[in-house]
Protein backbone atom coordinates (compact mmCIF):
# COMPACT_ATOMS: atom_id res chain seq x y z
CA MET A 1 0.01 0.46 0.18
CA ILE A 2 1.33 3.25 -1.00
CA THR A 3 1.82 5.69 2.26
CA GLY A 4 -0.46 8.23 2.52
CA LEU A 5 -3.19 6.89 0.22
CA PRO A 6 -6.07 7.32 0.05
CA MET A 7 -5.52 10.99 0.64
CA THR A 8 -8.00 12.21 3.12
CA VAL A 9 -10.57 14.68 2.00
CA PRO A 10 -13.68 15.05 4.31
CA VAL A 11 -17.13 15.76 3.11
CA ASP A 12 -19.57 17.94 5.15
CA GLY A 13 -22.73 16.42 7.07
CA LEU A 14 -21.03 12.95 7.33
CA PRO A 15 -20.48 11.28 10.74
CA THR A 16 -16.98 11.17 12.07
CA ARG A 17 -16.94 7.48 13.10
CA VAL A 18 -18.61 4.45 11.68
CA ARG A 19 -18.92 0.77 13.12
CA ILE A 20 -18.13 -1.83 10.84
CA HIS A 21 -20.54 -4.95 11.48
CA GLU A 22 -18.38 -7.37 10.23
CA VAL A 23 -20.57 -10.33 8.48
CA GLY A 24 -17.45 -12.49 6.75
CA ALA A 25 -17.25 -15.19 9.10
CA ARG A 26 -20.92 -16.14 8.97
CA ASP A 27 -22.85 -14.43 6.07
CA GLY A 28 -19.57 -14.47 4.40
CA LEU A 29 -19.02 -17.91 4.75
CA GLN A 30 -22.44 -19.50 4.66
CA ASN A 31 -22.68 -19.55 0.49
CA GLU A 32 -18.90 -21.59 0.12
CA LYS A 33 -19.61 -25.05 -1.21
CA GLY A 34 -17.03 -26.97 0.64
CA VAL A 35 -17.16 -26.94 4.41
CA VAL A 36 -14.36 -24.27 6.09
CA PRO A 37 -12.46 -26.02 8.64
CA THR A 38 -13.62 -25.03 12.00
CA GLU A 39 -10.24 -24.06 12.90
CA VAL A 40 -9.93 -21.90 10.15
CA LYS A 41 -13.29 -20.14 10.80
CA ALA A 42 -11.84 -19.44 14.58
CA GLU A 43 -8.73 -18.01 13.19
CA PHE A 44 -10.43 -15.98 10.70
CA ILE A 45 -12.06 -14.27 13.60
CA ARG A 46 -9.27 -13.78 15.46
CA ARG A 47 -7.71 -12.13 12.38
CA LEU A 48 -10.38 -9.76 11.90
CA ALA A 49 -10.36 -8.65 15.64
CA ASP A 50 -6.43 -8.03 15.49
CA ALA A 51 -7.39 -5.84 12.32
CA GLY A 52 -9.41 -3.57 14.59
CA LEU A 53 -12.90 -5.03 13.86
CA THR A 54 -14.99 -4.60 17.08
CA THR A 55 -18.11 -6.35 16.04
CA ILE A 56 -17.37 -9.79 14.07
CA GLU A 57 -20.58 -11.67 13.87
CA ALA A 58 -19.13 -15.22 14.65
CA THR A 59 -21.88 -17.58 13.27
CA SER A 60 -25.50 -18.88 13.29
CA PHE A 61 -27.32 -21.64 15.63
CA VAL A 62 -29.61 -23.12 12.87
CA HIS A 63 -30.34 -26.26 12.39
CA PRO A 64 -27.58 -27.94 10.33
CA THR A 65 -29.43 -28.98 7.26
CA TRP A 66 -30.39 -25.37 6.76
CA VAL A 67 -27.31 -24.28 6.60
CA PRO A 68 -24.33 -26.68 6.55
CA GLN A 69 -21.62 -24.74 6.66
CA LEU A 70 -22.57 -23.09 10.34
CA ALA A 71 -23.49 -26.81 11.50
CA ASP A 72 -20.51 -26.39 13.91
CA ALA A 73 -21.47 -23.37 15.71
CA GLU A 74 -21.12 -25.66 18.99
CA GLN A 75 -17.45 -26.17 18.35
CA LEU A 76 -16.65 -22.70 16.97
CA PHE A 77 -18.07 -20.31 19.60
CA PRO A 78 -15.97 -21.62 22.55
CA MET A 79 -12.94 -21.42 20.62
CA VAL A 80 -13.50 -17.70 20.02
CA ARG A 81 -15.64 -16.39 22.74
CA ASP A 82 -12.56 -15.09 24.71
CA VAL A 83 -11.78 -12.35 21.47
CA PRO A 84 -12.61 -8.87 23.21
CA VAL A 85 -15.05 -7.99 20.85
CA ARG A 86 -18.41 -7.89 20.35
CA LEU A 87 -19.34 -11.33 18.89
CA PRO A 88 -23.28 -11.49 17.52
CA VAL A 89 -24.89 -14.78 16.53
CA LEU A 90 -27.99 -15.57 14.66
CA VAL A 91 -30.54 -17.70 16.14
CA PRO A 92 -33.73 -18.90 14.26
CA ASN A 93 -36.08 -19.79 17.17
CA GLU A 94 -36.23 -20.36 20.37
CA ARG A 95 -33.98 -23.81 20.17
CA GLY A 96 -31.48 -21.43 18.71
CA LEU A 97 -31.48 -18.98 21.52
CA ASP A 98 -31.13 -21.84 23.94
CA ARG A 99 -27.88 -23.54 22.10
CA ALA A 100 -26.63 -19.66 21.95
CA LEU A 101 -27.34 -18.78 25.72
CA ALA A 102 -25.90 -22.08 26.72
CA LEU A 103 -22.31 -21.06 25.42
CA GLY A 104 -22.68 -17.70 26.87
CA ALA A 105 -23.57 -15.80 23.82
CA ARG A 106 -24.16 -11.96 24.47
CA GLU A 107 -25.91 -10.70 21.39
CA VAL A 108 -28.11 -12.31 19.00
CA ALA A 109 -29.81 -11.74 15.76
CA VAL A 110 -32.96 -12.81 14.25
CA PHE A 111 -33.77 -12.46 10.43
CA ALA A 112 -36.98 -11.52 8.83
CA SER A 113 -38.42 -10.82 5.51
CA ALA A 114 -40.07 -8.03 4.00
CA THR A 115 -41.65 -9.97 1.20
CA GLU A 116 -44.01 -13.31 1.25
CA SER A 117 -42.10 -15.05 -1.29
CA PHE A 118 -38.53 -15.00 0.79
CA ALA A 119 -40.04 -15.44 4.01
CA LYS A 120 -41.27 -18.85 2.41
CA ALA A 121 -38.35 -19.76 0.84
CA ASN A 122 -35.83 -18.80 3.87
CA LEU A 123 -38.12 -19.45 6.40
CA ASN A 124 -41.17 -21.92 4.96
CA ARG A 125 -43.38 -19.49 7.11
CA THR A 126 -45.30 -16.20 5.95
CA VAL A 127 -44.22 -12.76 7.20
CA ASP A 128 -46.68 -12.73 9.74
CA GLU A 129 -45.42 -16.77 11.03
CA ALA A 130 -41.88 -15.62 10.97
CA LEU A 131 -42.57 -12.96 13.19
CA ALA A 132 -44.82 -14.87 15.54
CA MET A 133 -41.73 -17.30 15.87
CA PHE A 134 -38.90 -14.60 16.71
CA ALA A 135 -41.29 -12.30 19.19
CA PRO A 136 -40.68 -14.94 22.47
CA VAL A 137 -37.18 -15.40 21.36
CA VAL A 138 -36.93 -11.27 21.55
CA THR A 139 -38.44 -11.46 24.37
CA ARG A 140 -36.52 -14.27 26.32
CA ALA A 141 -33.06 -12.80 24.90
CA ILE A 142 -33.92 -9.29 26.45
CA GLU A 143 -34.68 -11.08 30.07
CA HIS A 144 -31.70 -12.73 29.90
CA GLY A 145 -29.81 -8.99 29.35
CA LEU A 146 -28.82 -9.95 25.54
CA THR A 147 -28.78 -7.33 22.79
CA VAL A 148 -30.95 -8.00 20.07
CA ARG A 149 -30.19 -7.11 16.39
CA GLY A 150 -33.27 -7.65 13.50
CA TYR A 151 -32.48 -8.51 10.43
CA LEU A 152 -34.50 -7.56 7.48
CA SER A 153 -34.19 -9.20 3.73
CA MET A 154 -35.30 -8.09 0.57
CA CYS A 155 -35.84 -3.95 1.82
CA PHE A 156 -35.13 -2.94 -2.02
CA GLY A 157 -36.06 -5.91 -4.34
CA ASP A 158 -37.07 -9.32 -4.62
CA PRO A 159 -36.33 -11.76 -6.82
CA TRP A 160 -40.27 -13.49 -7.36
CA GLU A 161 -41.73 -10.24 -6.33
CA GLY A 162 -39.65 -7.35 -7.99
CA PRO A 163 -39.96 -3.89 -6.48
CA VAL A 164 -41.25 -3.87 -2.61
CA PRO A 165 -43.10 -1.20 -1.77
CA VAL A 166 -41.09 1.49 0.64
CA ASP A 167 -44.36 1.32 3.51
CA GLN A 168 -44.35 -2.61 3.16
CA VAL A 169 -40.78 -2.41 4.77
CA VAL A 170 -41.32 0.47 6.86
CA ALA A 171 -44.58 -1.98 8.78
CA VAL A 172 -42.47 -4.81 9.02
CA CYS A 173 -39.23 -2.66 10.80
CA ARG A 174 -41.97 -1.35 12.98
CA ARG A 175 -42.88 -4.90 14.28
CA LEU A 176 -39.34 -5.55 14.62
CA LYS A 177 -38.93 -2.41 16.39
CA ASP A 178 -42.05 -3.05 18.83
CA MET A 179 -40.95 -6.33 19.34
CA GLY A 180 -37.91 -5.08 21.20
CA CYS A 181 -35.48 -5.45 18.69
CA ASP A 182 -32.20 -2.66 19.67
CA GLU A 183 -30.87 -2.32 16.03
CA LEU A 184 -32.35 -3.42 12.62
CA SER A 185 -30.12 -3.97 9.60
CA LEU A 186 -31.60 -3.40 5.99
CA GLY A 187 -31.03 -5.67 3.71
CA ASP A 188 -30.48 -5.36 0.08
CA THR A 189 -30.44 -8.94 -0.17
CA ILE A 190 -29.97 -8.74 -4.17
CA GLY A 191 -28.18 -5.75 -4.75
CA VAL A 192 -30.80 -3.86 -6.48
CA ALA A 193 -30.85 -0.60 -4.24
CA THR A 194 -29.76 3.00 -5.72
CA PRO A 195 -28.94 5.74 -3.82
CA GLY A 196 -31.99 7.55 -4.04
CA HIS A 197 -34.34 4.33 -3.26
CA VAL A 198 -32.13 4.19 0.16
CA THR A 199 -32.45 7.73 1.08
CA ARG A 200 -36.21 7.73 0.78
CA LEU A 201 -36.59 4.50 2.76
CA LEU A 202 -34.48 5.83 5.33
CA THR A 203 -36.77 8.97 5.32
CA ALA A 204 -39.82 7.02 5.67
CA LEU A 205 -38.52 4.85 8.98
CA ASN A 206 -37.96 8.06 11.15
CA GLU A 207 -41.20 8.92 10.00
CA ALA A 208 -42.79 5.97 10.97
CA GLY A 209 -41.00 6.50 14.68
CA ILE A 210 -37.62 4.46 13.92
CA PRO A 211 -35.06 6.64 14.86
CA THR A 212 -31.59 6.56 12.58
CA ASP A 213 -29.30 5.84 15.01
CA ALA A 214 -31.31 2.32 15.39
CA LEU A 215 -30.77 1.51 11.62
CA ALA A 216 -27.92 -0.42 9.81
CA VAL A 217 -27.41 -0.83 6.52
CA HIS A 218 -26.50 -4.07 4.47
CA PHE A 219 -25.67 -3.68 1.13
CA HIS A 220 -24.71 -6.65 -1.51
CA ASP A 221 -22.75 -5.62 -4.66
CA THR A 222 -24.47 -7.40 -7.30
CA TYR A 223 -24.98 -4.18 -9.64
CA GLY A 224 -22.14 -2.49 -8.28
CA GLN A 225 -24.11 0.27 -5.90
CA ALA A 226 -23.06 -1.24 -2.48
CA LEU A 227 -20.28 1.80 -1.94
CA ALA A 228 -22.77 4.45 -3.60
CA ASN A 229 -25.45 3.23 -1.42
CA THR A 230 -23.43 3.44 1.98
CA LEU A 231 -22.54 7.19 0.74
CA ALA A 232 -25.95 8.03 0.83
CA ALA A 233 -26.96 6.33 4.19
CA LEU A 234 -24.27 8.11 5.70
CA GLN A 235 -25.14 11.21 4.25
CA HIS A 236 -28.58 10.62 5.93
CA GLY A 237 -27.03 9.65 9.28
CA VAL A 238 -26.55 6.43 9.46
CA THR A 239 -23.14 5.55 11.40
CA THR A 240 -23.43 1.44 11.30
CA VAL A 241 -22.69 -0.40 8.04
CA ASP A 242 -22.58 -4.37 7.50
CA ALA A 243 -19.54 -5.38 5.38
CA SER A 244 -17.87 -8.93 4.62
CA ALA A 245 -14.08 -8.97 4.62
CA GLY A 246 -13.25 -10.00 1.14
CA GLY A 247 -16.77 -9.38 -0.30
CA LEU A 248 -17.22 -12.97 -0.01
CA GLY A 249 -21.05 -14.03 0.84
CA GLY A 250 -24.40 -14.34 -0.85
CA CYS A 251 -27.55 -16.11 0.19
CA PRO A 252 -28.64 -19.88 -0.29
CA TYR A 253 -32.03 -18.91 -0.94
CA ALA A 254 -31.92 -16.11 -3.18
CA LYS A 255 -29.72 -17.68 -6.14
CA SER A 256 -29.50 -13.86 -7.59
CA ALA A 257 -27.53 -12.34 -4.65
CA THR A 258 -24.13 -12.53 -4.92
CA GLY A 259 -21.52 -10.80 -2.71
CA ASN A 260 -21.53 -8.81 0.36
CA LEU A 261 -20.01 -5.32 0.49
CA ALA A 262 -16.14 -5.89 0.68
CA THR A 263 -15.36 -4.39 4.24
CA GLU A 264 -11.74 -3.17 2.56
CA ASP A 265 -13.51 -1.27 -0.07
CA LEU A 266 -15.86 0.14 2.38
CA VAL A 267 -12.98 0.85 4.61
CA TRP A 268 -10.71 2.71 1.46
CA MET A 269 -13.82 5.15 1.17
CA LEU A 270 -14.52 5.49 4.99
CA HIS A 271 -11.03 6.75 5.40
CA GLY A 272 -10.45 8.45 2.61
CA LEU A 273 -13.45 10.65 4.02
CA GLY A 274 -11.72 11.21 6.78
CA ILE A 275 -14.14 9.26 8.89
CA GLU A 276 -12.71 6.99 11.70
CA THR A 277 -13.13 2.96 11.72
CA GLY A 278 -10.39 1.71 14.07
CA VAL A 279 -9.41 -0.97 11.22
CA ASP A 280 -5.96 -1.36 10.01
CA LEU A 281 -6.67 -2.00 6.24
CA GLY A 282 -3.38 -3.45 5.94
CA ARG A 283 -3.84 -6.13 8.32
CA LEU A 284 -7.49 -6.45 6.88
CA THR A 285 -6.04 -6.97 3.31
CA ALA A 286 -3.72 -9.53 4.78
CA THR A 287 -6.50 -11.61 6.39
CA SER A 288 -8.71 -11.82 3.18
CA VAL A 289 -5.78 -12.70 1.51
CA TRP A 290 -4.98 -15.44 3.98
CA LEU A 291 -8.55 -16.49 3.78
CA ALA A 292 -8.55 -16.62 0.15
CA GLY A 293 -5.81 -18.86 -0.20
CA GLN A 294 -7.40 -21.30 2.35
CA LEU A 295 -10.56 -20.98 -0.34
CA GLY A 296 -8.54 -21.95 -2.88
CA ARG A 297 -9.69 -18.77 -4.89
CA PRO A 298 -8.97 -15.02 -5.53
CA SER A 299 -11.12 -12.35 -2.96
CA PRO A 300 -13.53 -10.53 -4.93
CA SER A 301 -12.75 -7.29 -3.13
CA ARG A 302 -11.26 -4.89 -5.61
CA THR A 303 -9.31 -3.47 -2.64
CA VAL A 304 -7.47 -6.49 -1.57
CA ARG A 305 -6.87 -7.34 -5.19
CA ALA A 306 -5.23 -4.03 -5.70
CA LEU A 307 -3.35 -4.22 -2.36
CA GLY A 308 -3.24 -8.07 -1.88
CA GLY A 309 0.22 -8.62 -3.39
CA ALA A 310 1.69 -6.29 -0.54
CA ALA A 311 -0.37 -7.45 1.80
CA SER A 312 0.54 -11.10 1.07
CA HIS A 313 4.30 -10.65 1.33
CA LYS A 314 3.87 -9.55 5.10
CA GLU A 315 0.95 -12.39 6.05
CA SER A 316 2.29 -15.35 7.99
């Protein structure tokens, strides 16, 4: 990496600091066809923490037949729970919550859909049925002192239903917030959002009584819009952005969903804007180069590809 780049040129009206919610170890790996060894996942999480990421989504306590890649949650979480960062985990139901609680998880997330088609494909339930399933999970998690994130998929478009009305998304978000979710992550699962659409949805959520500081954004880069959409969210005041190291990820239930916004690409933009992240881009890039070696293929991240040569020489 050339010293002094990216050059810092702040833009008025943007946050001074952004918290990156790193999803690479869960969302990034869940769609990998080959099973990644548990030891590699644990090392990945430790390297991400060493790079300065403070929120790293560790795994998901779903039934192994749903997402075989994450069938080792019981083995993985004890291997990393001493890492001094936030380690949220996904829980689909009360059984998943029981498993997470037994291992000492302190943060959990539930995952809903803004559309009926994806709710059926992902959870084999209607939207209403899925929310009814999550309600006791959220209540019990709060009773145990856990923080709860609510993921909402298909906020901007659905592969079966097409455009998703903004008011439809707002209605489900409102129900998740009323249920007790501390934070809502707005998912562009198939990567079809554009900046104006992002701004319109965020504004509508505010008008419905959901404050910006309770919102996070989760963009996929299918059409190359993830960074532009992130900038629109930052301009609106959002300070939590989901990203996946190396740009890994997709969705096993929506085949048109390609990789997540790459954490390295996000950090490059944020640092260029003078926005603090606490992330060491060199260490992060080296981590993604290392993981790409474990997976046997190059990283999709443009920044990793640009900086990867230097990182690979430093990586051990």
